[in-house]
Amino acid sequence: MDRKRCVALIAHDLKKQDMADFAKAHEQALARYDIVATGTTGGRVLAACPDLAVTRLKSGPLGGDQQIGALIATGDVDILVFFIDPLTALPHDVDVKALTRLATVYDIPMALNRATAERMIDFQPA
């Protein structure tokens, strides 16, 4: 039996509302996927879209970025949507770099902003 494709959702603090808005606008498309998200981002997405099935992992700085990286490495995440805030210094910047590096190494589609995510979600059949 084929598994559903999985999308990982992550957003930096100042981009969490943007992620919730993105999820609400694309709720029907996202419903076709298994969804994993870092803790706070997942909570915001669930608040905006209570009917979506979202598996919440740890908060990014507490290991959630690394958990999603591990899921990418095992082939369990097919798409990464990571709304980054390039204007804010982050204490866990090395985790962010490691995560984007894994998405590149394992050659999965990765959107780092809403414009790319909106185009990508339309081209990724589940």
PDB file of N, CA and C in Angstrom:
ATOM      1  N   MET A   1       0.837  -1.177   0.000  1.00  0.00           N
ATOM      2  CA  MET A   1       0.000   0.000   0.000  1.00  0.00           C
ATOM      3  C   MET A   1       0.886   1.246   0.000  1.00  0.00           C
ATOM      4  N   ASP A   2       0.607   2.177  -0.886  1.00  0.00           N
ATOM      5  CA  ASP A   2       1.377   3.410  -0.957  1.00  0.00           C
ATOM      6  C   ASP A   2       1.030   4.315   0.207  1.00  0.00           C
ATOM      7  N   ARG A   3       2.051   4.956   0.758  1.00  0.00           N
ATOM      8  CA  ARG A   3       1.814   5.908   1.829  1.00  0.00           C
ATOM      9  C   ARG A   3       1.493   7.264   1.231  1.00  0.00           C
ATOM     10  N   LYS A   4       0.782   8.072   2.016  1.00  0.00           N
ATOM     11  CA  LYS A   4       0.551   9.456   1.610  1.00  0.00           C
ATOM     12  C   LYS A   4       1.869  10.186   1.624  1.00  0.00           C
ATOM     13  N   ARG A   5       2.009  11.144   0.731  1.00  0.00           N
ATOM     14  CA  ARG A   5       3.191  12.000   0.767  1.00  0.00           C
ATOM     15  C   ARG A   5       3.111  12.863   2.023  1.00  0.00           C
ATOM     16  N   CYS A   6       4.270  13.264   2.521  1.00  0.00           N
ATOM     17  CA  CYS A   6       4.336  14.020   3.770  1.00  0.00           C
ATOM     18  C   CYS A   6       4.980  15.378   3.528  1.00  0.00           C
ATOM     19  N   VAL A   7       4.351  16.403   4.070  1.00  0.00           N
ATOM     20  CA  VAL A   7       4.897  17.759   4.017  1.00  0.00           C
ATOM     21  C   VAL A   7       5.246  18.191   5.437  1.00  0.00           C
ATOM     22  N   ALA A   8       6.422  18.802   5.587  1.00  0.00           N
ATOM     23  CA  ALA A   8       6.851  19.341   6.880  1.00  0.00           C
ATOM     24  C   ALA A   8       6.665  20.852   6.849  1.00  0.00           C
ATOM     25  N   LEU A   9       6.057  21.390   7.901  1.00  0.00           N
ATOM     26  CA  LEU A   9       5.809  22.823   8.016  1.00  0.00           C
ATOM     27  C   LEU A   9       6.581  23.387   9.203  1.00  0.00           C
ATOM     28  N   ILE A  10       7.381  24.425   8.934  1.00  0.00           N
ATOM     29  CA  ILE A  10       8.158  25.093   9.970  1.00  0.00           C
ATOM     30  C   ILE A  10       8.107  26.583   9.675  1.00  0.00           C
ATOM     31  N   ALA A  11       8.042  27.400  10.709  1.00  0.00           N
ATOM     32  CA  ALA A  11       8.084  28.853  10.512  1.00  0.00           C
ATOM     33  C   ALA A  11       8.786  29.516  11.683  1.00  0.00           C
ATOM     34  N   HIS A  12       9.645  30.449  11.367  1.00  0.00           N
ATOM     35  CA  HIS A  12      10.257  31.255  12.419  1.00  0.00           C
ATOM     36  C   HIS A  12       9.188  32.113  13.081  1.00  0.00           C
ATOM     37  N   ASP A  13       9.494  32.630  14.267  1.00  0.00           N
ATOM     38  CA  ASP A  13       8.501  33.338  15.075  1.00  0.00           C
ATOM     39  C   ASP A  13       7.723  34.404  14.316  1.00  0.00           C
ATOM     40  N   LEU A  14       8.409  35.271  13.596  1.00  0.00           N
ATOM     41  CA  LEU A  14       7.717  36.346  12.901  1.00  0.00           C
ATOM     42  C   LEU A  14       7.027  35.893  11.623  1.00  0.00           C
ATOM     43  N   LYS A  15       7.144  34.606  11.292  1.00  0.00           N
ATOM     44  CA  LYS A  15       6.506  34.051  10.093  1.00  0.00           C
ATOM     45  C   LYS A  15       5.407  33.042  10.428  1.00  0.00           C
ATOM     46  N   LYS A  16       5.147  32.825  11.716  1.00  0.00           N
ATOM     47  CA  LYS A  16       4.145  31.819  12.099  1.00  0.00           C
ATOM     48  C   LYS A  16       2.737  32.184  11.631  1.00  0.00           C
ATOM     49  N   GLN A  17       2.366  33.453  11.723  1.00  0.00           N
ATOM     50  CA  GLN A  17       1.040  33.844  11.247  1.00  0.00           C
ATOM     51  C   GLN A  17       0.945  33.673   9.732  1.00  0.00           C
ATOM     52  N   ASP A  18       2.021  33.973   9.035  1.00  0.00           N
ATOM     53  CA  ASP A  18       2.055  33.773   7.588  1.00  0.00           C
ATOM     54  C   ASP A  18       1.845  32.294   7.258  1.00  0.00           C
ATOM     55  N   MET A  19       2.457  31.398   8.046  1.00  0.00           N
ATOM     56  CA  MET A  19       2.270  29.959   7.824  1.00  0.00           C
ATOM     57  C   MET A  19       0.826  29.558   8.089  1.00  0.00           C
ATOM     58  N   ALA A  20       0.231  30.078   9.150  1.00  0.00           N
ATOM     59  CA  ALA A  20      -1.173  29.768   9.451  1.00  0.00           C
ATOM     60  C   ALA A  20      -2.072  30.273   8.322  1.00  0.00           C
ATOM     61  N   ASP A  21      -1.795  31.461   7.821  1.00  0.00           N
ATOM     62  CA  ASP A  21      -2.574  32.006   6.704  1.00  0.00           C
ATOM     63  C   ASP A  21      -2.394  31.167   5.445  1.00  0.00           C
ATOM     64  N   PHE A  22      -1.165  30.740   5.185  1.00  0.00           N
ATOM     65  CA  PHE A  22      -0.880  29.870   4.039  1.00  0.00           C
ATOM     66  C   PHE A  22      -1.673  28.566   4.156  1.00  0.00           C
ATOM     67  N   ALA A  23      -1.632  27.957   5.340  1.00  0.00           N
ATOM     68  CA  ALA A  23      -2.345  26.692   5.546  1.00  0.00           C
ATOM     69  C   ALA A  23      -3.841  26.873   5.346  1.00  0.00           C
ATOM     70  N   LYS A  24      -4.393  27.951   5.859  1.00  0.00           N
ATOM     71  CA  LYS A  24      -5.824  28.210   5.701  1.00  0.00           C
ATOM     72  C   LYS A  24      -6.177  28.379   4.221  1.00  0.00           C
ATOM     73  N   ALA A  25      -5.365  29.123   3.494  1.00  0.00           N
ATOM     74  CA  ALA A  25      -5.632  29.366   2.074  1.00  0.00           C
ATOM     75  C   ALA A  25      -5.485  28.093   1.237  1.00  0.00           C
ATOM     76  N   HIS A  26      -4.672  27.150   1.711  1.00  0.00           N
ATOM     77  CA  HIS A  26      -4.407  25.923   0.940  1.00  0.00           C
ATOM     78  C   HIS A  26      -4.820  24.670   1.721  1.00  0.00           C
ATOM     79  N   GLU A  27      -5.814  24.840   2.575  1.00  0.00           N
ATOM     80  CA  GLU A  27      -6.242  23.736   3.448  1.00  0.00           C
ATOM     81  C   GLU A  27      -6.655  22.501   2.649  1.00  0.00           C
ATOM     82  N   GLN A  28      -7.375  22.687   1.573  1.00  0.00           N
ATOM     83  CA  GLN A  28      -7.841  21.555   0.771  1.00  0.00           C
ATOM     84  C   GLN A  28      -6.657  20.793   0.164  1.00  0.00           C
ATOM     85  N   ALA A  29      -5.678  21.514  -0.349  1.00  0.00           N
ATOM     86  CA  ALA A  29      -4.491  20.864  -0.912  1.00  0.00           C
ATOM     87  C   ALA A  29      -3.684  20.171   0.181  1.00  0.00           C
ATOM     88  N   LEU A  30      -3.511  20.821   1.321  1.00  0.00           N
ATOM     89  CA  LEU A  30      -2.739  20.225   2.410  1.00  0.00           C
ATOM     90  C   LEU A  30      -3.405  18.982   2.985  1.00  0.00           C
ATOM     91  N   ALA A  31      -4.718  18.893   2.890  1.00  0.00           N
ATOM     92  CA  ALA A  31      -5.438  17.730   3.420  1.00  0.00           C
ATOM     93  C   ALA A  31      -5.048  16.439   2.685  1.00  0.00           C
ATOM     94  N   ARG A  32      -4.465  16.561   1.515  1.00  0.00           N
ATOM     95  CA  ARG A  32      -4.032  15.377   0.757  1.00  0.00           C
ATOM     96  C   ARG A  32      -2.733  14.780   1.296  1.00  0.00           C
ATOM     97  N   TYR A  33      -2.083  15.491   2.210  1.00  0.00           N
ATOM     98  CA  TYR A  33      -0.776  15.090   2.717  1.00  0.00           C
ATOM     99  C   TYR A  33      -0.844  14.679   4.181  1.00  0.00           C
ATOM    100  N   ASP A  34       0.114  13.848   4.595  1.00  0.00           N
ATOM    101  CA  ASP A  34       0.425  13.739   6.012  1.00  0.00           C
ATOM    102  C   ASP A  34       1.223  14.997   6.327  1.00  0.00           C
ATOM    103  N   ILE A  35       0.979  15.594   7.477  1.00  0.00           N
ATOM    104  CA  ILE A  35       1.648  16.841   7.827  1.00  0.00           C
ATOM    105  C   ILE A  35       2.379  16.661   9.149  1.00  0.00           C
ATOM    106  N   VAL A  36       3.656  17.046   9.162  1.00  0.00           N
ATOM    107  CA  VAL A  36       4.416  17.144  10.403  1.00  0.00           C
ATOM    108  C   VAL A  36       4.837  18.596  10.536  1.00  0.00           C
ATOM    109  N   ALA A  37       4.926  19.066  11.757  1.00  0.00           N
ATOM    110  CA  ALA A  37       5.298  20.461  11.990  1.00  0.00           C
ATOM    111  C   ALA A  37       6.023  20.574  13.317  1.00  0.00           C
ATOM    112  N   THR A  38       6.859  21.586  13.417  1.00  0.00           N
ATOM    113  CA  THR A  38       7.456  21.874  14.711  1.00  0.00           C
ATOM    114  C   THR A  38       6.331  22.347  15.639  1.00  0.00           C
ATOM    115  N   GLY A  39       6.566  22.269  16.930  1.00  0.00           N
ATOM    116  CA  GLY A  39       5.523  22.432  17.938  1.00  0.00           C
ATOM    117  C   GLY A  39       4.652  23.665  17.830  1.00  0.00           C
ATOM    118  N   THR A  40       5.237  24.842  17.915  1.00  0.00           N
ATOM    119  CA  THR A  40       4.443  26.063  17.913  1.00  0.00           C
ATOM    120  C   THR A  40       3.817  26.306  16.547  1.00  0.00           C
ATOM    121  N   THR A  41       4.580  26.068  15.493  1.00  0.00           N
ATOM    122  CA  THR A  41       4.030  26.229  14.141  1.00  0.00           C
ATOM    123  C   THR A  41       2.843  25.295  13.949  1.00  0.00           C
ATOM    124  N   GLY A  42       2.984  24.049  14.372  1.00  0.00           N
ATOM    125  CA  GLY A  42       1.885  23.088  14.247  1.00  0.00           C
ATOM    126  C   GLY A  42       0.654  23.541  15.009  1.00  0.00           C
ATOM    127  N   GLY A  43       0.852  24.127  16.184  1.00  0.00           N
ATOM    128  CA  GLY A  43      -0.276  24.640  16.965  1.00  0.00           C
ATOM    129  C   GLY A  43      -0.994  25.766  16.243  1.00  0.00           C
ATOM    130  N   ARG A  44      -0.233  26.649  15.621  1.00  0.00           N
ATOM    131  CA  ARG A  44      -0.841  27.768  14.885  1.00  0.00           C
ATOM    132  C   ARG A  44      -1.601  27.262  13.659  1.00  0.00           C
ATOM    133  N   VAL A  45      -1.033  26.269  12.972  1.00  0.00           N
ATOM    134  CA  VAL A  45      -1.720  25.695  11.806  1.00  0.00           C
ATOM    135  C   VAL A  45      -3.006  25.009  12.248  1.00  0.00           C
ATOM    136  N   LEU A  46      -2.959  24.262  13.326  1.00  0.00           N
ATOM    137  CA  LEU A  46      -4.167  23.590  13.828  1.00  0.00           C
ATOM    138  C   LEU A  46      -5.234  24.587  14.267  1.00  0.00           C
ATOM    139  N   ALA A  47      -4.824  25.702  14.848  1.00  0.00           N
ATOM    140  CA  ALA A  47      -5.792  26.724  15.250  1.00  0.00           C
ATOM    141  C   ALA A  47      -6.489  27.313  14.027  1.00  0.00           C
ATOM    142  N   ALA A  48      -5.748  27.478  12.940  1.00  0.00           N
ATOM    143  CA  ALA A  48      -6.319  28.031  11.706  1.00  0.00           C
ATOM    144  C   ALA A  48      -7.099  26.990  10.916  1.00  0.00           C
ATOM    145  N   CYS A  49      -6.693  25.726  11.035  1.00  0.00           N
ATOM    146  CA  CYS A  49      -7.280  24.640  10.232  1.00  0.00           C
ATOM    147  C   CYS A  49      -7.527  23.430  11.121  1.00  0.00           C
ATOM    148  N   PRO A  50      -8.551  23.470  11.970  1.00  0.00           N
ATOM    149  CA  PRO A  50      -8.745  22.383  12.939  1.00  0.00           C
ATOM    150  C   PRO A  50      -9.030  21.022  12.314  1.00  0.00           C
ATOM    151  N   ASP A  51      -9.414  20.980  11.043  1.00  0.00           N
ATOM    152  CA  ASP A  51      -9.705  19.701  10.403  1.00  0.00           C
ATOM    153  C   ASP A  51      -8.475  19.024   9.810  1.00  0.00           C
ATOM    154  N   LEU A  52      -7.344  19.725   9.747  1.00  0.00           N
ATOM    155  CA  LEU A  52      -6.126  19.104   9.235  1.00  0.00           C
ATOM    156  C   LEU A  52      -5.526  18.183  10.298  1.00  0.00           C
ATOM    157  N   ALA A  53      -4.978  17.081   9.841  1.00  0.00           N
ATOM    158  CA  ALA A  53      -4.261  16.162  10.734  1.00  0.00           C
ATOM    159  C   ALA A  53      -2.796  16.577  10.738  1.00  0.00           C
ATOM    160  N   VAL A  54      -2.356  17.168  11.833  1.00  0.00           N
ATOM    161  CA  VAL A  54      -0.990  17.654  11.953  1.00  0.00           C
ATOM    162  C   VAL A  54      -0.311  16.940  13.115  1.00  0.00           C
ATOM    163  N   THR A  55       0.814  16.309  12.836  1.00  0.00           N
ATOM    164  CA  THR A  55       1.628  15.710  13.890  1.00  0.00           C
ATOM    165  C   THR A  55       2.616  16.768  14.346  1.00  0.00           C
ATOM    166  N   ARG A  56       2.468  17.163  15.609  1.00  0.00           N
ATOM    167  CA  ARG A  56       3.350  18.191  16.164  1.00  0.00           C
ATOM    168  C   ARG A  56       4.552  17.547  16.829  1.00  0.00           C
ATOM    169  N   LEU A  57       5.721  18.035  16.453  1.00  0.00           N
ATOM    170  CA  LEU A  57       6.970  17.585  17.050  1.00  0.00           C
ATOM    171  C   LEU A  57       7.413  18.617  18.077  1.00  0.00           C
ATOM    172  N   LYS A  58       8.636  18.544  18.523  1.00  0.00           N
ATOM    173  CA  LYS A  58       9.147  19.524  19.484  1.00  0.00           C
ATOM    174  C   LYS A  58       9.273  20.890  18.816  1.00  0.00           C
ATOM    175  N   SER A  59       9.344  21.917  19.622  1.00  0.00           N
ATOM    176  CA  SER A  59       9.638  23.251  19.127  1.00  0.00           C
ATOM    177  C   SER A  59      10.986  23.218  18.414  1.00  0.00           C
ATOM    178  N   GLY A  60      11.138  24.043  17.388  1.00  0.00           N
ATOM    179  CA  GLY A  60      12.378  24.047  16.613  1.00  0.00           C
ATOM    180  C   GLY A  60      13.649  24.133  17.444  1.00  0.00           C
ATOM    181  N   PRO A  61      13.778  25.137  18.326  1.00  0.00           N
ATOM    182  CA  PRO A  61      15.001  25.263  19.121  1.00  0.00           C
ATOM    183  C   PRO A  61      15.213  24.132  20.126  1.00  0.00           C
ATOM    184  N   LEU A  62      14.152  23.386  20.422  1.00  0.00           N
ATOM    185  CA  LEU A  62      14.260  22.283  21.387  1.00  0.00           C
ATOM    186  C   LEU A  62      14.437  20.928  20.709  1.00  0.00           C
ATOM    187  N   GLY A  63      14.717  20.947  19.402  1.00  0.00           N
ATOM    188  CA  GLY A  63      14.973  19.700  18.690  1.00  0.00           C
ATOM    189  C   GLY A  63      14.018  19.398  17.556  1.00  0.00           C
ATOM    190  N   GLY A  64      12.981  20.199  17.388  1.00  0.00           N
ATOM    191  CA  GLY A  64      12.011  19.936  16.326  1.00  0.00           C
ATOM    192  C   GLY A  64      12.609  20.008  14.934  1.00  0.00           C
ATOM    193  N   ASP A  65      13.518  20.973  14.712  1.00  0.00           N
ATOM    194  CA  ASP A  65      14.196  21.058  13.412  1.00  0.00           C
ATOM    195  C   ASP A  65      14.968  19.771  13.150  1.00  0.00           C
ATOM    196  N   GLN A  66      15.638  19.263  14.181  1.00  0.00           N
ATOM    197  CA  GLN A  66      16.417  18.031  14.030  1.00  0.00           C
ATOM    198  C   GLN A  66      15.508  16.821  13.818  1.00  0.00           C
ATOM    199  N   GLN A  67      14.343  16.806  14.482  1.00  0.00           N
ATOM    200  CA  GLN A  67      13.402  15.704  14.262  1.00  0.00           C
ATOM    201  C   GLN A  67      12.948  15.672  12.805  1.00  0.00           C
ATOM    202  N   ILE A  68      12.641  16.842  12.262  1.00  0.00           N
ATOM    203  CA  ILE A  68      12.216  16.886  10.856  1.00  0.00           C
ATOM    204  C   ILE A  68      13.382  16.511   9.953  1.00  0.00           C
ATOM    205  N   GLY A  69      14.595  16.944  10.295  1.00  0.00           N
ATOM    206  CA  GLY A  69      15.766  16.535   9.525  1.00  0.00           C
ATOM    207  C   GLY A  69      15.916  15.020   9.493  1.00  0.00           C
ATOM    208  N   ALA A  70      15.692  14.373  10.622  1.00  0.00           N
ATOM    209  CA  ALA A  70      15.776  12.909  10.673  1.00  0.00           C
ATOM    210  C   ALA A  70      14.709  12.275   9.775  1.00  0.00           C
ATOM    211  N   LEU A  71      13.507  12.855   9.763  1.00  0.00           N
ATOM    212  CA  LEU A  71      12.440  12.328   8.902  1.00  0.00           C
ATOM    213  C   LEU A  71      12.779  12.511   7.423  1.00  0.00           C
ATOM    214  N   ILE A  72      13.463  13.588   7.097  1.00  0.00           N
ATOM    215  CA  ILE A  72      13.923  13.776   5.717  1.00  0.00           C
ATOM    216  C   ILE A  72      14.946  12.688   5.374  1.00  0.00           C
ATOM    217  N   ALA A  73      15.887  12.454   6.284  1.00  0.00           N
ATOM    218  CA  ALA A  73      16.946  11.475   6.040  1.00  0.00           C
ATOM    219  C   ALA A  73      16.415  10.055   5.894  1.00  0.00           C
ATOM    220  N   THR A  74      15.310   9.737   6.556  1.00  0.00           N
ATOM    221  CA  THR A  74      14.743   8.388   6.450  1.00  0.00           C
ATOM    222  C   THR A  74      13.742   8.269   5.304  1.00  0.00           C
ATOM    223  N   GLY A  75      13.532   9.358   4.576  1.00  0.00           N
ATOM    224  CA  GLY A  75      12.617   9.320   3.436  1.00  0.00           C
ATOM    225  C   GLY A  75      11.164   9.496   3.815  1.00  0.00           C
ATOM    226  N   ASP A  76      10.895   9.934   5.037  1.00  0.00           N
ATOM    227  CA  ASP A  76       9.518  10.068   5.500  1.00  0.00           C
ATOM    228  C   ASP A  76       8.920  11.447   5.274  1.00  0.00           C
ATOM    229  N   VAL A  77       9.732  12.423   4.892  1.00  0.00           N
ATOM    230  CA  VAL A  77       9.239  13.756   4.523  1.00  0.00           C
ATOM    231  C   VAL A  77       9.564  13.973   3.060  1.00  0.00           C
ATOM    232  N   ASP A  78       8.563  14.350   2.297  1.00  0.00           N
ATOM    233  CA  ASP A  78       8.715  14.525   0.852  1.00  0.00           C
ATOM    234  C   ASP A  78       8.859  15.981   0.435  1.00  0.00           C
ATOM    235  N   ILE A  79       8.339  16.897   1.252  1.00  0.00           N
ATOM    236  CA  ILE A  79       8.330  18.316   0.919  1.00  0.00           C
ATOM    237  C   ILE A  79       8.586  19.096   2.202  1.00  0.00           C
ATOM    238  N   LEU A  80       9.432  20.120   2.107  1.00  0.00           N
ATOM    239  CA  LEU A  80       9.708  20.990   3.250  1.00  0.00           C
ATOM    240  C   LEU A  80       9.224  22.394   2.931  1.00  0.00           C
ATOM    241  N   VAL A  81       8.348  22.916   3.775  1.00  0.00           N
ATOM    242  CA  VAL A  81       7.916  24.316   3.681  1.00  0.00           C
ATOM    243  C   VAL A  81       8.400  24.978   4.964  1.00  0.00           C
ATOM    244  N   PHE A  82       9.366  25.861   4.829  1.00  0.00           N
ATOM    245  CA  PHE A  82      10.043  26.464   5.971  1.00  0.00           C
ATOM    246  C   PHE A  82      10.073  27.969   5.750  1.00  0.00           C
ATOM    247  N   PHE A  83       9.143  28.669   6.397  1.00  0.00           N
ATOM    248  CA  PHE A  83       9.091  30.125   6.252  1.00  0.00           C
ATOM    249  C   PHE A  83      10.140  30.734   7.177  1.00  0.00           C
ATOM    250  N   ILE A  84      11.247  31.146   6.582  1.00  0.00           N
ATOM    251  CA  ILE A  84      12.345  31.701   7.363  1.00  0.00           C
ATOM    252  C   ILE A  84      12.202  33.215   7.486  1.00  0.00           C
ATOM    253  N   ASP A  85      12.786  33.733   8.526  1.00  0.00           N
ATOM    254  CA  ASP A  85      12.841  35.185   8.729  1.00  0.00           C
ATOM    255  C   ASP A  85      14.301  35.601   8.588  1.00  0.00           C
ATOM    256  N   PRO A  86      14.692  36.080   7.403  1.00  0.00           N
ATOM    257  CA  PRO A  86      16.101  36.382   7.178  1.00  0.00           C
ATOM    258  C   PRO A  86      16.599  37.623   7.924  1.00  0.00           C
ATOM    259  N   LEU A  87      15.700  38.362   8.555  1.00  0.00           N
ATOM    260  CA  LEU A  87      16.094  39.597   9.225  1.00  0.00           C
ATOM    261  C   LEU A  87      16.273  39.452  10.735  1.00  0.00           C
ATOM    262  N   THR A  88      16.037  38.249  11.261  1.00  0.00           N
ATOM    263  CA  THR A  88      16.153  38.022  12.702  1.00  0.00           C
ATOM    264  C   THR A  88      17.265  37.009  12.975  1.00  0.00           C
ATOM    265  N   ALA A  89      18.176  37.357  13.859  1.00  0.00           N
ATOM    266  CA  ALA A  89      19.226  36.419  14.267  1.00  0.00           C
ATOM    267  C   ALA A  89      18.595  35.319  15.115  1.00  0.00           C
ATOM    268  N   LEU A  90      19.007  34.080  14.878  1.00  0.00           N
ATOM    269  CA  LEU A  90      18.433  32.942  15.586  1.00  0.00           C
ATOM    270  C   LEU A  90      19.509  32.186  16.349  1.00  0.00           C
ATOM    271  N   PRO A  91      19.252  31.883  17.617  1.00  0.00           N
ATOM    272  CA  PRO A  91      20.261  31.154  18.390  1.00  0.00           C
ATOM    273  C   PRO A  91      20.465  29.726  17.881  1.00  0.00           C
ATOM    274  N   HIS A  92      19.489  29.165  17.183  1.00  0.00           N
ATOM    275  CA  HIS A  92      19.623  27.797  16.673  1.00  0.00           C
ATOM    276  C   HIS A  92      19.863  27.792  15.162  1.00  0.00           C
ATOM    277  N   ASP A  93      20.574  28.802  14.681  1.00  0.00           N
ATOM    278  CA  ASP A  93      20.863  28.949  13.258  1.00  0.00           C
ATOM    279  C   ASP A  93      21.549  27.716  12.669  1.00  0.00           C
ATOM    280  N   VAL A  94      22.405  27.054  13.449  1.00  0.00           N
ATOM    281  CA  VAL A  94      23.086  25.861  12.938  1.00  0.00           C
ATOM    282  C   VAL A  94      22.089  24.743  12.644  1.00  0.00           C
ATOM    283  N   ASP A  95      21.016  24.641  13.455  1.00  0.00           N
ATOM    284  CA  ASP A  95      19.986  23.633  13.201  1.00  0.00           C
ATOM    285  C   ASP A  95      19.248  23.943  11.898  1.00  0.00           C
ATOM    286  N   VAL A  96      18.977  25.219  11.675  1.00  0.00           N
ATOM    287  CA  VAL A  96      18.292  25.649  10.456  1.00  0.00           C
ATOM    288  C   VAL A  96      19.137  25.307   9.232  1.00  0.00           C
ATOM    289  N   LYS A  97      20.412  25.606   9.315  1.00  0.00           N
ATOM    290  CA  LYS A  97      21.318  25.298   8.194  1.00  0.00           C
ATOM    291  C   LYS A  97      21.404  23.795   7.960  1.00  0.00           C
ATOM    292  N   ALA A  98      21.449  23.024   9.030  1.00  0.00           N
ATOM    293  CA  ALA A  98      21.503  21.567   8.890  1.00  0.00           C
ATOM    294  C   ALA A  98      20.233  21.038   8.227  1.00  0.00           C
ATOM    295  N   LEU A  99      19.101  21.595   8.593  1.00  0.00           N
ATOM    296  CA  LEU A  99      17.830  21.155   8.021  1.00  0.00           C
ATOM    297  C   LEU A  99      17.759  21.465   6.529  1.00  0.00           C
ATOM    298  N   THR A 100      18.114  22.671   6.143  1.00  0.00           N
ATOM    299  CA  THR A 100      18.062  23.014   4.712  1.00  0.00           C
ATOM    300  C   THR A 100      19.122  22.222   3.941  1.00  0.00           C
ATOM    301  N   ARG A 101      20.232  21.938   4.585  1.00  0.00           N
ATOM    302  CA  ARG A 101      21.249  21.108   3.940  1.00  0.00           C
ATOM    303  C   ARG A 101      20.703  19.703   3.668  1.00  0.00           C
ATOM    304  N   LEU A 102      20.014  19.111   4.635  1.00  0.00           N
ATOM    305  CA  LEU A 102      19.443  17.774   4.439  1.00  0.00           C
ATOM    306  C   LEU A 102      18.405  17.756   3.322  1.00  0.00           C
ATOM    307  N   ALA A 103      17.587  18.786   3.260  1.00  0.00           N
ATOM    308  CA  ALA A 103      16.596  18.858   2.180  1.00  0.00           C
ATOM    309  C   ALA A 103      17.294  18.911   0.823  1.00  0.00           C
ATOM    310  N   THR A 104      18.430  19.598   0.772  1.00  0.00           N
ATOM    311  CA  THR A 104      19.198  19.671  -0.469  1.00  0.00           C
ATOM    312  C   THR A 104      19.869  18.333  -0.775  1.00  0.00           C
ATOM    313  N   VAL A 105      20.502  17.724   0.224  1.00  0.00           N
ATOM    314  CA  VAL A 105      21.187  16.448   0.034  1.00  0.00           C
ATOM    315  C   VAL A 105      20.218  15.367  -0.440  1.00  0.00           C
ATOM    316  N   TYR A 106      19.032  15.321   0.173  1.00  0.00           N
ATOM    317  CA  TYR A 106      18.060  14.287  -0.179  1.00  0.00           C
ATOM    318  C   TYR A 106      17.137  14.715  -1.318  1.00  0.00           C
ATOM    319  N   ASP A 107      17.421  15.883  -1.893  1.00  0.00           N
ATOM    320  CA  ASP A 107      16.767  16.356  -3.105  1.00  0.00           C
ATOM    321  C   ASP A 107      15.241  16.373  -2.995  1.00  0.00           C
ATOM    322  N   ILE A 108      14.747  16.952  -1.893  1.00  0.00           N
ATOM    323  CA  ILE A 108      13.302  17.101  -1.769  1.00  0.00           C
ATOM    324  C   ILE A 108      12.942  18.563  -2.056  1.00  0.00           C
ATOM    325  N   PRO A 109      11.755  18.809  -2.583  1.00  0.00           N
ATOM    326  CA  PRO A 109      11.333  20.192  -2.809  1.00  0.00           C
ATOM    327  C   PRO A 109      11.313  20.954  -1.489  1.00  0.00           C
ATOM    328  N   MET A 110      11.805  22.203  -1.540  1.00  0.00           N
ATOM    329  CA  MET A 110      11.897  23.020  -0.334  1.00  0.00           C
ATOM    330  C   MET A 110      11.480  24.443  -0.672  1.00  0.00           C
ATOM    331  N   ALA A 111      10.512  24.960   0.067  1.00  0.00           N
ATOM    332  CA  ALA A 111      10.092  26.352  -0.084  1.00  0.00           C
ATOM    333  C   ALA A 111      10.500  27.103   1.172  1.00  0.00           C
ATOM    334  N   LEU A 112      11.178  28.227   0.989  1.00  0.00           N
ATOM    335  CA  LEU A 112      11.615  29.024   2.124  1.00  0.00           C
ATOM    336  C   LEU A 112      10.805  30.302   2.269  1.00  0.00           C
ATOM    337  N   ASN A 113       9.814  30.478   1.411  1.00  0.00           N
ATOM    338  CA  ASN A 113       8.927  31.638   1.516  1.00  0.00           C
ATOM    339  C   ASN A 113       7.561  31.262   0.947  1.00  0.00           C
ATOM    340  N   ARG A 114       6.589  32.114   1.190  1.00  0.00           N
ATOM    341  CA  ARG A 114       5.217  31.806   0.806  1.00  0.00           C
ATOM    342  C   ARG A 114       5.032  31.749  -0.708  1.00  0.00           C
ATOM    343  N   ALA A 115       5.690  32.636  -1.442  1.00  0.00           N
ATOM    344  CA  ALA A 115       5.534  32.644  -2.900  1.00  0.00           C
ATOM    345  C   ALA A 115       5.937  31.297  -3.496  1.00  0.00           C
ATOM    346  N   THR A 116       7.050  30.751  -3.047  1.00  0.00           N
ATOM    347  CA  THR A 116       7.487  29.453  -3.553  1.00  0.00           C
ATOM    348  C   THR A 116       6.555  28.344  -3.078  1.00  0.00           C
ATOM    349  N   ALA A 117       6.154  28.383  -1.816  1.00  0.00           N
ATOM    350  CA  ALA A 117       5.266  27.347  -1.278  1.00  0.00           C
ATOM    351  C   ALA A 117       3.946  27.296  -2.044  1.00  0.00           C
ATOM    352  N   GLU A 118       3.405  28.457  -2.377  1.00  0.00           N
ATOM    353  CA  GLU A 118       2.128  28.481  -3.095  1.00  0.00           C
ATOM    354  C   GLU A 118       2.261  27.867  -4.481  1.00  0.00           C
ATOM    355  N   ARG A 119       3.363  28.083  -5.140  1.00  0.00           N
ATOM    356  CA  ARG A 119       3.567  27.480  -6.453  1.00  0.00           C
ATOM    357  C   ARG A 119       3.836  25.985  -6.332  1.00  0.00           C
ATOM    358  N   MET A 120       4.601  25.615  -5.320  1.00  0.00           N
ATOM    359  CA  MET A 120       4.974  24.220  -5.131  1.00  0.00           C
ATOM    360  C   MET A 120       3.766  23.358  -4.766  1.00  0.00           C
ATOM    361  N   ILE A 121       2.906  23.855  -3.922  1.00  0.00           N
ATOM    362  CA  ILE A 121       1.764  23.050  -3.464  1.00  0.00           C
ATOM    363  C   ILE A 121       0.842  22.705  -4.639  1.00  0.00           C
ATOM    364  N   ASP A 122       0.798  23.584  -5.632  1.00  0.00           N
ATOM    365  CA  ASP A 122      -0.014  23.329  -6.827  1.00  0.00           C
ATOM    366  C   ASP A 122       0.594  22.265  -7.735  1.00  0.00           C
ATOM    367  N   PHE A 123       1.910  22.051  -7.641  1.00  0.00           N
ATOM    368  CA  PHE A 123       2.598  21.113  -8.533  1.00  0.00           C
ATOM    369  C   PHE A 123       2.918  19.778  -7.882  1.00  0.00           C
ATOM    370  N   GLN A 124       2.518  19.582  -6.646  1.00  0.00           N
ATOM    371  CA  GLN A 124       2.872  18.357  -5.931  1.00  0.00           C
ATOM    372  C   GLN A 124       1.649  17.479  -5.702  1.00  0.00           C
ATOM    373  N   PRO A 125       1.328  16.616  -6.651  1.00  0.00           N
ATOM    374  CA  PRO A 125       0.182  15.724  -6.410  1.00  0.00           C
ATOM    375  C   PRO A 125       0.512  14.724  -5.306  1.00  0.00           C
ATOM    376  N   ALA A 126      -0.466  14.474  -4.473  1.00  0.00           N
ATOM    377  CA  ALA A 126      -0.255  13.511  -3.369  1.00  0.00           C
ATOM    378  C   ALA A 126      -0.643  12.121  -3.826  1.00  0.00           C
TER     379      ALA A 126
END
